[in-house]
Amino acid sequence: MKTREEKAAKFKELCEKRVRKATHYLNSLGKLANKSHYEYSSEQVNEMEKHLRATLNEMLLQYKSQNKDTGFKFSDKN
């Protein structure tokens, strides 16, 4: 079984690699904005933006949900 340090090192290694890849592909999408080579509508851009934001939010929620207590507690507010 791997130690916490080994798991942390593997996470860092894979995360850095995957973030670099994601950044590369996002930059590649940005190159499609060149109107002298491509034609697109604002609706297409909005649709692409909506999809990318939703996908990013879903991924981030996976990290945030790992740290949340699912039990019920009343708030301290009166």
Foldseek 3Di string as FASTA:
>chain_A
DDDPVVVVVVCVVVVVVVVVVVVVVVVVVVVQVPPVVHDDDVVVVVVVVVVVVVVVVVVVVVVVVVPDDPDDDDDPDD
